[in-house]
Amino acid sequence: MRIAVDLNRCQGYAQCAFLAPEVFAMHGEEALLYDPEVDETQREKLAQAAAACPVQAILVDAVDVPAEAVSGAR
């Protein structure tokens, strides 16, 4: 399972790191670190983390998503 985070959109609220600490971690106060390749067993936590993101920056199963969709470029 793959995920992508639009780091241009991410505001560092850290809801994802709270809900899925095995996948997301905050580095300092604003930098988000995450593993783009996630084990299928984390699906429920990832769904909760994506839903809790105030700016909807987390894309789950983003295997075939075009780069412009992830970066926000048009």
N, C-alpha and C. Protein backbone atom coordinates (compact mmCIF):
# COMPACT_ATOMS: atom_id res chain seq x y z
N MET A 1 0.84 -1.17 0.00
CA MET A 1 0.00 0.00 0.00
C MET A 1 0.90 1.24 0.00
N ARG A 2 0.51 2.22 -0.80
CA ARG A 2 1.31 3.45 -0.88
C ARG A 2 0.49 4.65 -0.41
N ILE A 3 1.21 5.61 0.15
CA ILE A 3 0.59 6.87 0.52
C ILE A 3 1.45 8.00 -0.01
N ALA A 4 0.85 9.16 -0.13
CA ALA A 4 1.57 10.37 -0.49
C ALA A 4 1.00 11.50 0.34
N VAL A 5 1.87 12.40 0.74
CA VAL A 5 1.45 13.58 1.48
C VAL A 5 1.85 14.81 0.67
N ASP A 6 0.89 15.67 0.43
CA ASP A 6 1.17 16.94 -0.24
C ASP A 6 1.82 17.85 0.80
N LEU A 7 3.15 17.89 0.78
CA LEU A 7 3.88 18.67 1.78
C LEU A 7 3.72 20.17 1.59
N ASN A 8 3.25 20.59 0.42
CA ASN A 8 2.93 22.01 0.23
C ASN A 8 1.64 22.38 0.95
N ARG A 9 0.76 21.41 1.09
CA ARG A 9 -0.52 21.64 1.75
C ARG A 9 -0.43 21.40 3.26
N CYS A 10 0.43 20.47 3.68
CA CYS A 10 0.56 20.10 5.09
C CYS A 10 0.93 21.33 5.93
N GLN A 11 0.22 21.51 7.03
CA GLN A 11 0.46 22.64 7.92
C GLN A 11 1.05 22.23 9.26
N GLY A 12 1.39 20.95 9.41
CA GLY A 12 2.04 20.48 10.64
C GLY A 12 1.12 20.34 11.83
N TYR A 13 -0.16 20.06 11.61
CA TYR A 13 -1.09 19.88 12.73
C TYR A 13 -0.80 18.60 13.51
N ALA A 14 -0.13 17.62 12.87
CA ALA A 14 0.35 16.38 13.49
C ALA A 14 -0.75 15.41 13.90
N GLN A 15 -1.95 15.58 13.38
CA GLN A 15 -3.01 14.61 13.67
C GLN A 15 -2.63 13.23 13.14
N CYS A 16 -1.97 13.19 12.00
CA CYS A 16 -1.55 11.91 11.42
C CYS A 16 -0.52 11.22 12.31
N ALA A 17 0.42 11.97 12.85
CA ALA A 17 1.45 11.39 13.72
C ALA A 17 0.83 10.86 15.01
N PHE A 18 -0.21 11.50 15.47
CA PHE A 18 -0.91 11.05 16.67
C PHE A 18 -1.69 9.77 16.39
N LEU A 19 -2.36 9.70 15.24
CA LEU A 19 -3.22 8.56 14.93
C LEU A 19 -2.49 7.37 14.31
N ALA A 20 -1.39 7.61 13.63
CA ALA A 20 -0.63 6.53 12.99
C ALA A 20 0.87 6.76 13.19
N PRO A 21 1.35 6.65 14.44
CA PRO A 21 2.76 6.95 14.72
C PRO A 21 3.74 5.98 14.08
N GLU A 22 3.27 4.82 13.63
CA GLU A 22 4.14 3.86 12.95
C GLU A 22 4.49 4.34 11.55
N VAL A 23 3.70 5.26 11.02
CA VAL A 23 3.87 5.74 9.65
C VAL A 23 4.35 7.19 9.60
N PHE A 24 3.79 8.04 10.45
CA PHE A 24 4.08 9.48 10.41
C PHE A 24 4.83 9.91 11.67
N ALA A 25 5.71 10.88 11.51
CA ALA A 25 6.42 11.46 12.65
C ALA A 25 6.72 12.92 12.33
N MET A 26 6.67 13.73 13.34
CA MET A 26 7.03 15.13 13.19
C MET A 26 8.52 15.28 13.49
N HIS A 27 9.20 16.02 12.64
CA HIS A 27 10.61 16.35 12.85
C HIS A 27 10.64 17.84 13.15
N GLY A 28 10.82 18.18 14.39
CA GLY A 28 10.70 19.57 14.79
C GLY A 28 9.22 19.92 14.91
N GLU A 29 8.89 21.17 14.72
CA GLU A 29 7.50 21.60 14.88
C GLU A 29 6.71 21.59 13.57
N GLU A 30 7.39 21.58 12.44
CA GLU A 30 6.65 21.71 11.18
C GLU A 30 6.96 20.66 10.13
N ALA A 31 8.07 19.95 10.22
CA ALA A 31 8.47 19.01 9.17
C ALA A 31 7.88 17.62 9.44
N LEU A 32 7.17 17.10 8.46
CA LEU A 32 6.56 15.78 8.57
C LEU A 32 7.43 14.75 7.87
N LEU A 33 7.69 13.66 8.56
CA LEU A 33 8.38 12.51 7.97
C LEU A 33 7.37 11.38 7.87
N TYR A 34 7.43 10.62 6.78
CA TYR A 34 6.51 9.49 6.65
C TYR A 34 7.10 8.44 5.73
N ASP A 35 6.59 7.23 5.86
CA ASP A 35 7.01 6.10 5.03
C ASP A 35 5.98 5.95 3.92
N PRO A 36 6.36 6.15 2.65
CA PRO A 36 5.38 6.06 1.56
C PRO A 36 4.92 4.63 1.28
N GLU A 37 5.71 3.63 1.68
CA GLU A 37 5.34 2.23 1.50
C GLU A 37 4.87 1.70 2.86
N VAL A 38 3.57 1.45 2.98
CA VAL A 38 2.99 1.08 4.26
C VAL A 38 2.39 -0.32 4.18
N ASP A 39 2.56 -1.07 5.24
CA ASP A 39 2.00 -2.41 5.31
C ASP A 39 0.48 -2.34 5.34
N GLU A 40 -0.16 -3.30 4.72
CA GLU A 40 -1.62 -3.35 4.63
C GLU A 40 -2.29 -3.37 6.01
N THR A 41 -1.60 -3.84 7.02
CA THR A 41 -2.17 -3.89 8.37
C THR A 41 -2.41 -2.50 8.95
N GLN A 42 -1.81 -1.48 8.35
CA GLN A 42 -1.97 -0.10 8.84
C GLN A 42 -3.13 0.63 8.16
N ARG A 43 -3.88 -0.05 7.30
CA ARG A 43 -4.92 0.61 6.50
C ARG A 43 -5.93 1.39 7.35
N GLU A 44 -6.42 0.80 8.42
CA GLU A 44 -7.43 1.48 9.24
C GLU A 44 -6.86 2.74 9.90
N LYS A 45 -5.66 2.63 10.44
CA LYS A 45 -5.03 3.81 11.06
C LYS A 45 -4.77 4.90 10.02
N LEU A 46 -4.35 4.49 8.82
CA LEU A 46 -4.11 5.47 7.76
C LEU A 46 -5.40 6.16 7.34
N ALA A 47 -6.47 5.40 7.26
CA ALA A 47 -7.77 5.99 6.89
C ALA A 47 -8.18 7.02 7.94
N GLN A 48 -7.97 6.70 9.21
CA GLN A 48 -8.30 7.65 10.28
C GLN A 48 -7.41 8.89 10.21
N ALA A 49 -6.13 8.67 9.95
CA ALA A 49 -5.19 9.80 9.86
C ALA A 49 -5.54 10.71 8.68
N ALA A 50 -5.85 10.11 7.54
CA ALA A 50 -6.22 10.90 6.36
C ALA A 50 -7.50 11.69 6.61
N ALA A 51 -8.47 11.06 7.26
CA ALA A 51 -9.74 11.74 7.54
C ALA A 51 -9.56 12.86 8.56
N ALA A 52 -8.61 12.70 9.47
CA ALA A 52 -8.41 13.70 10.53
C ALA A 52 -7.55 14.88 10.08
N CYS A 53 -6.89 14.77 8.94
CA CYS A 53 -6.03 15.85 8.47
C CYS A 53 -6.89 17.09 8.15
N PRO A 54 -6.67 18.19 8.85
CA PRO A 54 -7.49 19.38 8.64
C PRO A 54 -7.39 19.97 7.23
N VAL A 55 -6.29 19.71 6.54
CA VAL A 55 -6.11 20.27 5.20
C VAL A 55 -6.15 19.20 4.11
N GLN A 56 -6.50 17.97 4.49
CA GLN A 56 -6.65 16.84 3.56
C GLN A 56 -5.41 16.67 2.68
N ALA A 57 -4.23 16.62 3.31
CA ALA A 57 -2.97 16.50 2.59
C ALA A 57 -2.52 15.06 2.35
N ILE A 58 -3.22 14.08 2.93
CA ILE A 58 -2.80 12.68 2.84
C ILE A 58 -3.61 11.94 1.79
N LEU A 59 -2.92 11.32 0.85
CA LEU A 59 -3.56 10.49 -0.17
C LEU A 59 -3.17 9.04 0.10
N VAL A 60 -4.15 8.17 0.30
CA VAL A 60 -3.91 6.76 0.56
C VAL A 60 -4.10 5.98 -0.74
N ASP A 61 -3.25 4.98 -0.95
CA ASP A 61 -3.25 4.18 -2.18
C ASP A 61 -2.99 5.05 -3.40
N ALA A 62 -2.04 5.93 -3.30
CA ALA A 62 -1.73 6.88 -4.36
C ALA A 62 -0.72 6.29 -5.34
N VAL A 63 -0.96 5.08 -5.80
CA VAL A 63 -0.02 4.42 -6.71
C VAL A 63 -0.08 5.03 -8.09
N ASP A 64 -1.27 5.24 -8.61
CA ASP A 64 -1.43 5.71 -9.98
C ASP A 64 -1.87 7.18 -10.07
N VAL A 65 -1.65 7.93 -9.02
CA VAL A 65 -2.05 9.34 -9.00
C VAL A 65 -0.99 10.15 -9.75
N PRO A 66 -1.39 10.98 -10.70
CA PRO A 66 -0.42 11.80 -11.42
C PRO A 66 0.32 12.73 -10.48
N ALA A 67 1.55 13.07 -10.80
CA ALA A 67 2.39 13.91 -9.95
C ALA A 67 1.74 15.26 -9.69
N GLU A 68 1.04 15.82 -10.69
CA GLU A 68 0.43 17.12 -10.48
C GLU A 68 -0.70 17.07 -9.45
N ALA A 69 -1.33 15.91 -9.27
CA ALA A 69 -2.37 15.78 -8.25
C ALA A 69 -1.77 15.77 -6.86
N VAL A 70 -0.58 15.21 -6.72
CA VAL A 70 0.07 15.15 -5.43
C VAL A 70 0.67 16.50 -5.05
N SER A 71 1.28 17.17 -6.01
CA SER A 71 1.94 18.43 -5.72
C SER A 71 0.99 19.62 -5.72
N GLY A 72 -0.19 19.44 -6.27
CA GLY A 72 -1.14 20.54 -6.36
C GLY A 72 -0.93 21.40 -7.59
N ALA A 73 0.06 21.05 -8.41
CA ALA A 73 0.33 21.80 -9.64
C ALA A 73 -0.77 21.55 -10.66
N ARG A 74 -1.03 22.52 -11.48
CA ARG A 74 -2.06 22.36 -12.52
C ARG A 74 -1.48 22.73 -13.86
